[in-house]
Structure formats: C-alpha cells, structure tokens
Amino acid sequence: MSDERQAGRKQGEYMAKHLPQGAKIVYLMGESSQGSAVQRWEGFKEACLDKRPDVQLLASVDAGWSSTEGLKNMTLWMKLFPRIDAVVAGNDNMALGAVQALKAANRMDGVLVSGVDATDEAIKAIAAGDMSQTMKQDADSSAEDIFTVLQTFLKGEQPSGNVVVPFIEITKDNVAQFQQ
C-alpha cells in the first residue's frame, strides 16, 4: 500500500517552497468519496496551506480523476480568476487537463502544475516545462520488503506490519532519469 497523504505532503512542500508570496492556487481533487483523494488533499493542505497562510486557495473541486474535468474546471477558473499561480491535482490526468486549458488560453507562463502518478504524459510535460512536478509510487524500492513478506507467507507464517510503497518526487531536476 502507499501512504497517499505522503503524496499530498510532497506536493505541498514543493508548492510551499516555490510559490511566490501571496500566491493564488486551485486544487483538483480526485473522487472525493475515495480515501486516497481525501488523504492527498489533507497532506497537501498540511504541508502548504497550513504553513503558508499567504497562499490563497481560490477554488477546489471534485474532478473525478478525469482529464476532461481538469480541462473543464480550469477553463472556468481562468474566466473567474485573473491570476492563478498554481494548479495542484490529485492525479496526472486532472493536471494534464488543466495544462491543456492553460495552453489554449495562452496562460501557461509562470503557473506551477503538480500531479500524482508519474504517467508517461506527465513525465513528458515536466521535461517540456508544462508541468512542475509529479509523484511516483516507487514500488521498485520496496521490492525487497515485498519479497520478505512473500517469503513469510511461503513459510506459513503471518507477516507483521504493512509494506508501505513510498512516493518519490519527479521535477525538472530529475525527470531525465524517468524518461523512456
């Protein structure tokens, strides 16, 4: 399993570090009835909004993990808000939908966009400078722990504890190592 709150915290830490004073942001939440979406939001809120009271959350919406919803909501928000400094999304699909809207309106310049899942499209968008960040569930680094759990099962024993798959941050600084 993954600590979904960690993904949101890492997004929040990035934004808290890189947003200008008095930044205005929007948030695209995944399916709000799913724990992972709520935990990502809570982690983001703790790491950014709770630590940077100068950052203003202009709007937040349940966008159902959908690029179409990301596009639709970003298009609306650009009409409502003359300034948006960042888009934080619970997954890459929604973030990429927002990027599509920003590009169509010629408003990409200076807008930080963050997602989760490290999809191929998001990695390409980071390399191109259209997204700032994505989070990857780093199952490879947990392979040894997973192997140990499997060995325990094969011995007929109950493993203790859970194997937590960590998230790693992908930005322009390390995107090259994730490109195919």
N, C-alpha and C. Protein backbone atom coordinates (compact mmCIF):
# COMPACT_ATOMS: atom_id res chain seq x y z
N MET A 1 0.84 -1.18 0.00
CA MET A 1 0.00 0.00 0.00
C MET A 1 0.88 1.24 0.00
N SER A 2 0.28 2.35 -0.35
CA SER A 2 1.00 3.61 -0.36
C SER A 2 0.40 4.55 0.68
N ASP A 3 1.23 5.44 1.17
CA ASP A 3 0.78 6.48 2.08
C ASP A 3 0.35 7.66 1.21
N GLU A 4 -0.94 7.69 0.88
CA GLU A 4 -1.46 8.73 -0.02
C GLU A 4 -1.25 10.13 0.54
N ARG A 5 -1.26 10.25 1.86
CA ARG A 5 -1.02 11.55 2.49
C ARG A 5 0.40 12.04 2.16
N GLN A 6 1.34 11.09 2.03
CA GLN A 6 2.71 11.47 1.69
C GLN A 6 2.78 12.13 0.31
N ALA A 7 2.01 11.61 -0.64
CA ALA A 7 2.00 12.22 -1.98
C ALA A 7 1.54 13.66 -1.88
N GLY A 8 0.45 13.90 -1.15
CA GLY A 8 -0.05 15.26 -0.97
C GLY A 8 0.93 16.15 -0.22
N ARG A 9 1.58 15.58 0.80
CA ARG A 9 2.58 16.36 1.56
C ARG A 9 3.71 16.80 0.65
N LYS A 10 4.19 15.88 -0.20
CA LYS A 10 5.29 16.24 -1.09
C LYS A 10 4.86 17.31 -2.09
N GLN A 11 3.62 17.24 -2.56
CA GLN A 11 3.11 18.31 -3.43
C GLN A 11 3.09 19.63 -2.65
N GLY A 12 2.61 19.57 -1.43
CA GLY A 12 2.53 20.78 -0.60
C GLY A 12 3.89 21.37 -0.29
N GLU A 13 4.84 20.52 0.02
CA GLU A 13 6.19 21.00 0.31
C GLU A 13 6.79 21.69 -0.91
N TYR A 14 6.58 21.11 -2.08
CA TYR A 14 7.09 21.71 -3.31
C TYR A 14 6.45 23.09 -3.52
N MET A 15 5.13 23.14 -3.41
CA MET A 15 4.44 24.41 -3.62
C MET A 15 4.83 25.45 -2.57
N ALA A 16 4.91 25.04 -1.32
CA ALA A 16 5.29 25.98 -0.26
C ALA A 16 6.66 26.58 -0.54
N LYS A 17 7.55 25.80 -1.11
CA LYS A 17 8.90 26.26 -1.40
C LYS A 17 8.96 27.15 -2.65
N HIS A 18 8.14 26.86 -3.65
CA HIS A 18 8.28 27.52 -4.95
C HIS A 18 7.25 28.61 -5.27
N LEU A 19 6.17 28.68 -4.52
CA LEU A 19 5.16 29.70 -4.81
C LEU A 19 5.60 31.08 -4.35
N PRO A 20 5.25 32.11 -5.11
CA PRO A 20 5.58 33.47 -4.69
C PRO A 20 4.71 33.89 -3.50
N GLN A 21 5.13 34.92 -2.82
CA GLN A 21 4.35 35.49 -1.73
C GLN A 21 2.97 35.89 -2.26
N GLY A 22 1.92 35.55 -1.51
CA GLY A 22 0.56 35.92 -1.90
C GLY A 22 0.01 35.13 -3.07
N ALA A 23 0.56 33.94 -3.30
CA ALA A 23 0.14 33.11 -4.44
C ALA A 23 -1.34 32.75 -4.36
N LYS A 24 -1.90 32.55 -5.54
CA LYS A 24 -3.31 32.13 -5.68
C LYS A 24 -3.31 30.80 -6.42
N ILE A 25 -3.97 29.81 -5.81
CA ILE A 25 -3.92 28.46 -6.37
C ILE A 25 -5.32 27.85 -6.48
N VAL A 26 -5.40 26.79 -7.29
CA VAL A 26 -6.62 25.99 -7.41
C VAL A 26 -6.24 24.53 -7.17
N TYR A 27 -7.24 23.74 -6.71
CA TYR A 27 -6.98 22.34 -6.39
C TYR A 27 -8.02 21.45 -7.06
N LEU A 28 -7.53 20.46 -7.79
CA LEU A 28 -8.39 19.45 -8.43
C LEU A 28 -8.29 18.16 -7.64
N MET A 29 -9.37 17.81 -6.95
CA MET A 29 -9.39 16.60 -6.14
C MET A 29 -9.89 15.43 -6.98
N GLY A 30 -9.39 14.25 -6.68
CA GLY A 30 -9.90 13.05 -7.32
C GLY A 30 -11.31 12.77 -6.83
N GLU A 31 -11.74 11.56 -6.92
CA GLU A 31 -13.08 11.17 -6.47
C GLU A 31 -13.14 11.35 -4.95
N SER A 32 -13.88 12.36 -4.48
CA SER A 32 -13.86 12.72 -3.06
C SER A 32 -14.43 11.64 -2.13
N SER A 33 -15.10 10.65 -2.70
CA SER A 33 -15.60 9.55 -1.88
C SER A 33 -14.51 8.49 -1.64
N GLN A 34 -13.36 8.65 -2.29
CA GLN A 34 -12.26 7.70 -2.12
C GLN A 34 -11.23 8.24 -1.14
N GLY A 35 -10.82 7.38 -0.24
CA GLY A 35 -9.85 7.77 0.78
C GLY A 35 -8.57 8.33 0.23
N SER A 36 -8.08 7.79 -0.89
CA SER A 36 -6.82 8.27 -1.45
C SER A 36 -6.92 9.74 -1.86
N ALA A 37 -8.04 10.14 -2.43
CA ALA A 37 -8.22 11.54 -2.84
C ALA A 37 -8.23 12.45 -1.61
N VAL A 38 -8.95 12.06 -0.59
CA VAL A 38 -9.05 12.86 0.63
C VAL A 38 -7.69 12.95 1.32
N GLN A 39 -6.97 11.83 1.39
CA GLN A 39 -5.66 11.84 2.05
C GLN A 39 -4.65 12.70 1.30
N ARG A 40 -4.69 12.66 -0.02
CA ARG A 40 -3.78 13.52 -0.80
C ARG A 40 -4.08 14.99 -0.53
N TRP A 41 -5.36 15.34 -0.49
CA TRP A 41 -5.75 16.72 -0.17
C TRP A 41 -5.27 17.10 1.22
N GLU A 42 -5.51 16.25 2.21
CA GLU A 42 -5.11 16.56 3.58
C GLU A 42 -3.60 16.75 3.70
N GLY A 43 -2.83 15.88 3.04
CA GLY A 43 -1.38 16.02 3.06
C GLY A 43 -0.93 17.33 2.43
N PHE A 44 -1.55 17.69 1.31
CA PHE A 44 -1.22 18.96 0.65
C PHE A 44 -1.55 20.14 1.56
N LYS A 45 -2.73 20.11 2.12
CA LYS A 45 -3.18 21.21 2.99
C LYS A 45 -2.22 21.41 4.17
N GLU A 46 -1.85 20.31 4.81
CA GLU A 46 -0.93 20.38 5.95
C GLU A 46 0.42 20.98 5.57
N ALA A 47 0.95 20.56 4.43
CA ALA A 47 2.31 20.96 4.05
C ALA A 47 2.39 22.32 3.37
N CYS A 48 1.28 22.78 2.80
CA CYS A 48 1.33 24.07 2.10
C CYS A 48 0.41 25.10 2.75
N LEU A 49 -0.87 24.86 2.68
CA LEU A 49 -1.83 25.89 3.12
C LEU A 49 -1.72 26.18 4.62
N ASP A 50 -1.48 25.16 5.43
CA ASP A 50 -1.36 25.39 6.87
C ASP A 50 -0.06 26.08 7.23
N LYS A 51 0.96 25.94 6.39
CA LYS A 51 2.27 26.54 6.68
C LYS A 51 2.48 27.88 5.97
N ARG A 52 1.71 28.13 4.93
CA ARG A 52 1.83 29.38 4.16
C ARG A 52 0.48 30.08 4.12
N PRO A 53 0.12 30.80 5.20
CA PRO A 53 -1.19 31.47 5.22
C PRO A 53 -1.35 32.54 4.14
N ASP A 54 -0.25 32.96 3.51
CA ASP A 54 -0.33 33.93 2.43
C ASP A 54 -0.84 33.31 1.13
N VAL A 55 -0.79 31.98 1.02
CA VAL A 55 -1.26 31.29 -0.19
C VAL A 55 -2.78 31.18 -0.12
N GLN A 56 -3.43 31.67 -1.15
CA GLN A 56 -4.90 31.68 -1.18
C GLN A 56 -5.42 30.57 -2.10
N LEU A 57 -6.26 29.71 -1.53
CA LEU A 57 -6.94 28.68 -2.31
C LEU A 57 -8.17 29.33 -2.92
N LEU A 58 -8.14 29.55 -4.23
CA LEU A 58 -9.25 30.21 -4.93
C LEU A 58 -10.44 29.29 -5.11
N ALA A 59 -10.16 28.02 -5.42
CA ALA A 59 -11.23 27.06 -5.70
C ALA A 59 -10.70 25.65 -5.58
N SER A 60 -11.60 24.75 -5.25
CA SER A 60 -11.29 23.32 -5.19
C SER A 60 -12.53 22.58 -5.64
N VAL A 61 -12.33 21.49 -6.38
CA VAL A 61 -13.48 20.75 -6.90
C VAL A 61 -13.14 19.27 -7.00
N ASP A 62 -14.14 18.45 -6.85
CA ASP A 62 -14.02 17.01 -7.11
C ASP A 62 -14.04 16.86 -8.63
N ALA A 63 -12.90 16.48 -9.20
CA ALA A 63 -12.81 16.35 -10.65
C ALA A 63 -12.71 14.88 -11.08
N GLY A 64 -12.98 13.98 -10.17
CA GLY A 64 -13.14 12.56 -10.51
C GLY A 64 -11.99 11.89 -11.24
N TRP A 65 -10.77 12.33 -11.01
CA TRP A 65 -9.58 11.75 -11.63
C TRP A 65 -9.55 11.95 -13.16
N SER A 66 -10.37 12.83 -13.70
CA SER A 66 -10.59 12.95 -15.14
C SER A 66 -9.88 14.14 -15.78
N SER A 67 -9.22 13.88 -16.90
CA SER A 67 -8.58 14.98 -17.64
C SER A 67 -9.63 15.93 -18.21
N THR A 68 -10.77 15.39 -18.61
CA THR A 68 -11.86 16.22 -19.12
C THR A 68 -12.35 17.19 -18.04
N GLU A 69 -12.49 16.68 -16.82
CA GLU A 69 -12.92 17.55 -15.71
C GLU A 69 -11.84 18.57 -15.37
N GLY A 70 -10.57 18.17 -15.45
CA GLY A 70 -9.48 19.12 -15.22
C GLY A 70 -9.52 20.24 -16.23
N LEU A 71 -9.73 19.90 -17.50
CA LEU A 71 -9.83 20.88 -18.58
C LEU A 71 -11.03 21.80 -18.36
N LYS A 72 -12.18 21.22 -18.09
CA LYS A 72 -13.42 21.99 -17.92
C LYS A 72 -13.32 22.96 -16.74
N ASN A 73 -12.85 22.47 -15.60
CA ASN A 73 -12.76 23.33 -14.41
C ASN A 73 -11.70 24.40 -14.56
N MET A 74 -10.57 24.07 -15.17
CA MET A 74 -9.52 25.07 -15.37
C MET A 74 -10.01 26.16 -16.32
N THR A 75 -10.73 25.78 -17.35
CA THR A 75 -11.28 26.76 -18.29
C THR A 75 -12.22 27.73 -17.56
N LEU A 76 -13.07 27.21 -16.71
CA LEU A 76 -13.97 28.05 -15.91
C LEU A 76 -13.18 28.94 -14.96
N TRP A 77 -12.22 28.37 -14.24
CA TRP A 77 -11.46 29.14 -13.26
C TRP A 77 -10.68 30.28 -13.91
N MET A 78 -10.18 30.06 -15.12
CA MET A 78 -9.43 31.14 -15.79
C MET A 78 -10.35 32.31 -16.12
N LYS A 79 -11.64 32.03 -16.33
CA LYS A 79 -12.60 33.12 -16.57
C LYS A 79 -12.93 33.85 -15.28
N LEU A 80 -12.93 33.13 -14.18
CA LEU A 80 -13.29 33.71 -12.87
C LEU A 80 -12.13 34.43 -12.20
N PHE A 81 -10.91 33.91 -12.39
CA PHE A 81 -9.76 34.43 -11.65
C PHE A 81 -8.68 34.94 -12.61
N PRO A 82 -8.39 36.23 -12.57
CA PRO A 82 -7.38 36.78 -13.49
C PRO A 82 -5.97 36.26 -13.20
N ARG A 83 -5.74 35.82 -11.98
CA ARG A 83 -4.40 35.33 -11.62
C ARG A 83 -4.53 33.96 -10.95
N ILE A 84 -3.80 33.00 -11.50
CA ILE A 84 -3.67 31.67 -10.90
C ILE A 84 -2.19 31.31 -10.99
N ASP A 85 -1.57 31.10 -9.83
CA ASP A 85 -0.13 30.80 -9.79
C ASP A 85 0.18 29.31 -9.81
N ALA A 86 -0.80 28.49 -9.42
CA ALA A 86 -0.53 27.05 -9.38
C ALA A 86 -1.82 26.25 -9.47
N VAL A 87 -1.67 25.07 -10.04
CA VAL A 87 -2.73 24.07 -10.10
C VAL A 87 -2.17 22.82 -9.43
N VAL A 88 -2.83 22.38 -8.38
CA VAL A 88 -2.44 21.14 -7.71
C VAL A 88 -3.55 20.14 -7.97
N ALA A 89 -3.16 18.96 -8.45
CA ALA A 89 -4.14 17.95 -8.81
C ALA A 89 -3.81 16.63 -8.14
N GLY A 90 -4.86 15.90 -7.77
CA GLY A 90 -4.70 14.62 -7.11
C GLY A 90 -4.18 13.52 -8.02
N ASN A 91 -4.17 13.76 -9.34
CA ASN A 91 -3.51 12.82 -10.26
C ASN A 91 -3.07 13.57 -11.52
N ASP A 92 -2.31 12.87 -12.34
CA ASP A 92 -1.78 13.49 -13.55
C ASP A 92 -2.85 13.76 -14.60
N ASN A 93 -3.87 12.91 -14.69
CA ASN A 93 -4.93 13.15 -15.67
C ASN A 93 -5.54 14.53 -15.49
N MET A 94 -5.91 14.85 -14.26
CA MET A 94 -6.52 16.16 -14.00
C MET A 94 -5.52 17.28 -14.26
N ALA A 95 -4.28 17.08 -13.85
CA ALA A 95 -3.23 18.10 -14.08
C ALA A 95 -3.04 18.35 -15.57
N LEU A 96 -3.01 17.28 -16.36
CA LEU A 96 -2.81 17.43 -17.80
C LEU A 96 -4.01 18.10 -18.47
N GLY A 97 -5.21 17.85 -17.96
CA GLY A 97 -6.38 18.57 -18.45
C GLY A 97 -6.25 20.06 -18.19
N ALA A 98 -5.76 20.40 -17.00
CA ALA A 98 -5.54 21.82 -16.66
C ALA A 98 -4.48 22.43 -17.56
N VAL A 99 -3.41 21.69 -17.85
CA VAL A 99 -2.36 22.17 -18.74
C VAL A 99 -2.94 22.45 -20.12
N GLN A 100 -3.79 21.57 -20.60
CA GLN A 100 -4.42 21.76 -21.91
C GLN A 100 -5.21 23.07 -21.94
N ALA A 101 -5.95 23.35 -20.87
CA ALA A 101 -6.73 24.59 -20.79
C ALA A 101 -5.82 25.81 -20.72
N LEU A 102 -4.78 25.72 -19.90
CA LEU A 102 -3.83 26.83 -19.76
C LEU A 102 -3.16 27.15 -21.09
N LYS A 103 -2.76 26.12 -21.82
CA LYS A 103 -2.12 26.33 -23.12
C LYS A 103 -3.09 26.97 -24.11
N ALA A 104 -4.32 26.48 -24.13
CA ALA A 104 -5.32 27.01 -25.07
C ALA A 104 -5.59 28.49 -24.81
N ALA A 105 -5.48 28.90 -23.55
CA ALA A 105 -5.72 30.30 -23.18
C ALA A 105 -4.43 31.12 -23.15
N ASN A 106 -3.31 30.50 -23.53
CA ASN A 106 -2.01 31.17 -23.50
C ASN A 106 -1.68 31.72 -22.11
N ARG A 107 -1.95 30.89 -21.07
CA ARG A 107 -1.70 31.31 -19.68
C ARG A 107 -0.76 30.37 -18.93
N MET A 108 0.07 29.64 -19.64
CA MET A 108 1.00 28.70 -19.00
C MET A 108 2.12 29.40 -18.25
N ASP A 109 2.51 30.55 -18.73
CA ASP A 109 3.71 31.22 -18.21
C ASP A 109 3.63 31.44 -16.70
N GLY A 110 4.57 30.86 -15.98
CA GLY A 110 4.68 31.08 -14.55
C GLY A 110 3.73 30.28 -13.68
N VAL A 111 2.91 29.41 -14.28
CA VAL A 111 1.96 28.61 -13.49
C VAL A 111 2.60 27.27 -13.16
N LEU A 112 2.67 26.95 -11.87
CA LEU A 112 3.17 25.66 -11.42
C LEU A 112 2.03 24.65 -11.47
N VAL A 113 2.29 23.48 -12.03
CA VAL A 113 1.27 22.44 -12.13
C VAL A 113 1.85 21.15 -11.55
N SER A 114 1.11 20.56 -10.61
CA SER A 114 1.56 19.34 -9.94
C SER A 114 0.49 18.26 -10.03
N GLY A 115 0.94 17.02 -10.23
CA GLY A 115 0.04 15.88 -10.26
C GLY A 115 0.64 14.70 -9.52
N VAL A 116 -0.03 13.57 -9.62
CA VAL A 116 0.42 12.34 -8.97
C VAL A 116 0.22 11.19 -9.96
N ASP A 117 1.15 10.29 -10.03
CA ASP A 117 1.10 9.01 -10.75
C ASP A 117 2.28 8.82 -11.69
N ALA A 118 2.96 9.86 -12.07
CA ALA A 118 4.12 9.76 -12.96
C ALA A 118 3.77 9.03 -14.26
N THR A 119 2.66 9.44 -14.88
CA THR A 119 2.31 8.86 -16.17
C THR A 119 3.32 9.31 -17.22
N ASP A 120 3.39 8.58 -18.32
CA ASP A 120 4.31 8.95 -19.40
C ASP A 120 4.04 10.37 -19.88
N GLU A 121 2.75 10.72 -20.01
CA GLU A 121 2.39 12.07 -20.47
C GLU A 121 2.85 13.14 -19.49
N ALA A 122 2.74 12.86 -18.20
CA ALA A 122 3.17 13.83 -17.19
C ALA A 122 4.68 13.99 -17.21
N ILE A 123 5.39 12.90 -17.37
CA ILE A 123 6.85 12.98 -17.43
C ILE A 123 7.29 13.79 -18.65
N LYS A 124 6.62 13.58 -19.78
CA LYS A 124 6.90 14.38 -20.97
C LYS A 124 6.58 15.85 -20.73
N ALA A 125 5.48 16.13 -20.02
CA ALA A 125 5.08 17.51 -19.73
C ALA A 125 6.09 18.19 -18.80
N ILE A 126 6.65 17.45 -17.87
CA ILE A 126 7.68 18.02 -16.99
C ILE A 126 8.92 18.33 -17.81
N ALA A 127 9.33 17.40 -18.65
CA ALA A 127 10.51 17.61 -19.50
C ALA A 127 10.32 18.82 -20.42
N ALA A 128 9.08 19.03 -20.87
CA ALA A 128 8.78 20.16 -21.76
C ALA A 128 8.57 21.47 -21.01
N GLY A 129 8.51 21.40 -19.68
CA GLY A 129 8.29 22.61 -18.87
C GLY A 129 6.83 22.96 -18.68
N ASP A 130 5.91 22.06 -19.06
CA ASP A 130 4.48 22.34 -18.91
C ASP A 130 3.95 21.94 -17.54
N MET A 131 4.56 20.97 -16.90
CA MET A 131 4.23 20.61 -15.52
C MET A 131 5.47 20.81 -14.67
N SER A 132 5.26 21.04 -13.39
CA SER A 132 6.37 21.27 -12.47
C SER A 132 6.77 20.02 -11.72
N GLN A 133 5.79 19.14 -11.46
CA GLN A 133 6.03 18.04 -10.54
C GLN A 133 4.99 16.94 -10.74
N THR A 134 5.42 15.71 -10.51
CA THR A 134 4.51 14.58 -10.35
C THR A 134 5.10 13.68 -9.29
N MET A 135 4.27 12.82 -8.75
CA MET A 135 4.70 11.89 -7.71
C MET A 135 4.60 10.48 -8.24
N LYS A 136 5.64 9.68 -8.01
CA LYS A 136 5.67 8.29 -8.48
C LYS A 136 5.64 7.35 -7.28
N GLN A 137 4.76 6.37 -7.33
CA GLN A 137 4.77 5.32 -6.32
C GLN A 137 5.97 4.44 -6.63
N ASP A 138 6.94 4.44 -5.75
CA ASP A 138 8.22 3.79 -6.01
C ASP A 138 8.22 2.34 -5.55
N ALA A 139 7.46 1.52 -6.26
CA ALA A 139 7.37 0.10 -5.90
C ALA A 139 8.71 -0.60 -6.03
N ASP A 140 9.57 -0.15 -6.94
CA ASP A 140 10.87 -0.79 -7.12
C ASP A 140 11.69 -0.78 -5.84
N SER A 141 11.65 0.33 -5.11
CA SER A 141 12.45 0.43 -3.89
C SER A 141 11.88 -0.43 -2.77
N SER A 142 10.64 -0.86 -2.91
CA SER A 142 10.02 -1.71 -1.89
C SER A 142 10.08 -3.19 -2.24
N ALA A 143 10.71 -3.53 -3.35
CA ALA A 143 10.73 -4.92 -3.82
C ALA A 143 11.31 -5.86 -2.76
N GLU A 144 12.37 -5.43 -2.09
CA GLU A 144 12.98 -6.29 -1.06
C GLU A 144 12.00 -6.55 0.09
N ASP A 145 11.30 -5.51 0.52
CA ASP A 145 10.31 -5.68 1.59
C ASP A 145 9.18 -6.61 1.14
N ILE A 146 8.73 -6.45 -0.09
CA ILE A 146 7.66 -7.30 -0.61
C ILE A 146 8.13 -8.75 -0.70
N PHE A 147 9.37 -8.95 -1.12
CA PHE A 147 9.93 -10.29 -1.19
C PHE A 147 9.96 -10.94 0.20
N THR A 148 10.33 -10.19 1.21
CA THR A 148 10.36 -10.70 2.58
C THR A 148 8.96 -11.12 3.04
N VAL A 149 7.94 -10.31 2.71
CA VAL A 149 6.56 -10.65 3.06
C VAL A 149 6.16 -11.96 2.37
N LEU A 150 6.51 -12.09 1.10
CA LEU A 150 6.18 -13.32 0.36
C LEU A 150 6.87 -14.53 0.97
N GLN A 151 8.12 -14.39 1.36
CA GLN A 151 8.83 -15.50 1.99
C GLN A 151 8.14 -15.90 3.30
N THR A 152 7.69 -14.93 4.05
CA THR A 152 6.99 -15.21 5.30
C THR A 152 5.72 -16.01 5.04
N PHE A 153 4.95 -15.60 4.02
CA PHE A 153 3.74 -16.34 3.64
C PHE A 153 4.08 -17.77 3.22
N LEU A 154 5.13 -17.92 2.43
CA LEU A 154 5.51 -19.25 1.95
C LEU A 154 5.92 -20.18 3.09
N LYS A 155 6.41 -19.62 4.17
CA LYS A 155 6.78 -20.40 5.35
C LYS A 155 5.54 -20.74 6.19
N GLY A 156 4.38 -20.21 5.77
CA GLY A 156 3.15 -20.46 6.52
C GLY A 156 2.97 -19.55 7.71
N GLU A 157 3.73 -18.48 7.77
CA GLU A 157 3.65 -17.52 8.88
C GLU A 157 2.88 -16.29 8.45
N GLN A 158 2.39 -15.55 9.44
CA GLN A 158 1.73 -14.28 9.18
C GLN A 158 2.77 -13.17 9.25
N PRO A 159 2.87 -12.35 8.21
CA PRO A 159 3.81 -11.22 8.27
C PRO A 159 3.31 -10.17 9.26
N SER A 160 4.23 -9.45 9.82
CA SER A 160 3.85 -8.38 10.75
C SER A 160 3.98 -7.03 10.04
N GLY A 161 3.01 -6.20 10.22
CA GLY A 161 3.05 -4.86 9.64
C GLY A 161 2.72 -4.85 8.16
N ASN A 162 2.75 -3.67 7.59
CA ASN A 162 2.45 -3.46 6.18
C ASN A 162 3.70 -3.02 5.44
N VAL A 163 3.74 -3.28 4.16
CA VAL A 163 4.79 -2.75 3.31
C VAL A 163 4.24 -1.47 2.70
N VAL A 164 4.88 -0.36 3.01
CA VAL A 164 4.43 0.92 2.50
C VAL A 164 5.30 1.30 1.30
N VAL A 165 4.66 1.53 0.19
CA VAL A 165 5.36 1.93 -1.03
C VAL A 165 5.52 3.45 -1.00
N PRO A 166 6.76 3.93 -0.95
CA PRO A 166 6.96 5.38 -0.85
C PRO A 166 6.70 6.10 -2.18
N PHE A 167 6.41 7.37 -2.09
CA PHE A 167 6.30 8.22 -3.26
C PHE A 167 7.62 8.96 -3.44
N ILE A 168 8.04 9.10 -4.69
CA ILE A 168 9.20 9.93 -4.98
C ILE A 168 8.77 11.05 -5.91
N GLU A 169 9.42 12.17 -5.75
CA GLU A 169 9.08 13.38 -6.50
C GLU A 169 9.85 13.42 -7.81
N ILE A 170 9.15 13.75 -8.88
CA ILE A 170 9.79 13.96 -10.18
C ILE A 170 9.57 15.42 -10.57
N THR A 171 10.67 16.12 -10.81
CA THR A 171 10.64 17.52 -11.23
C THR A 171 11.62 17.68 -12.40
N LYS A 172 11.79 18.90 -12.87
CA LYS A 172 12.74 19.15 -13.96
C LYS A 172 14.15 18.72 -13.56
N ASP A 173 14.45 18.71 -12.24
CA ASP A 173 15.79 18.37 -11.78
C ASP A 173 16.14 16.90 -11.97
N ASN A 174 15.14 16.01 -11.97
CA ASN A 174 15.45 14.58 -12.08
C ASN A 174 14.63 13.86 -13.15
N VAL A 175 13.88 14.60 -13.95
CA VAL A 175 12.99 13.98 -14.93
C VAL A 175 13.72 13.11 -15.95
N ALA A 176 14.95 13.45 -16.27
CA ALA A 176 15.69 12.69 -17.28
C ALA A 176 15.82 11.22 -16.90
N GLN A 177 15.96 10.91 -15.63
CA GLN A 177 16.13 9.52 -15.24
C GLN A 177 14.84 8.71 -15.33
N PHE A 178 13.70 9.38 -15.56
CA PHE A 178 12.42 8.69 -15.65
C PHE A 178 11.87 8.64 -17.07
N GLN A 179 12.55 9.30 -18.00
CA GLN A 179 12.10 9.31 -19.39
C GLN A 179 12.46 8.01 -20.06
N GLN A 180 11.57 7.57 -20.96
CA GLN A 180 11.81 6.31 -21.66
C GLN A 180 12.36 6.57 -23.04
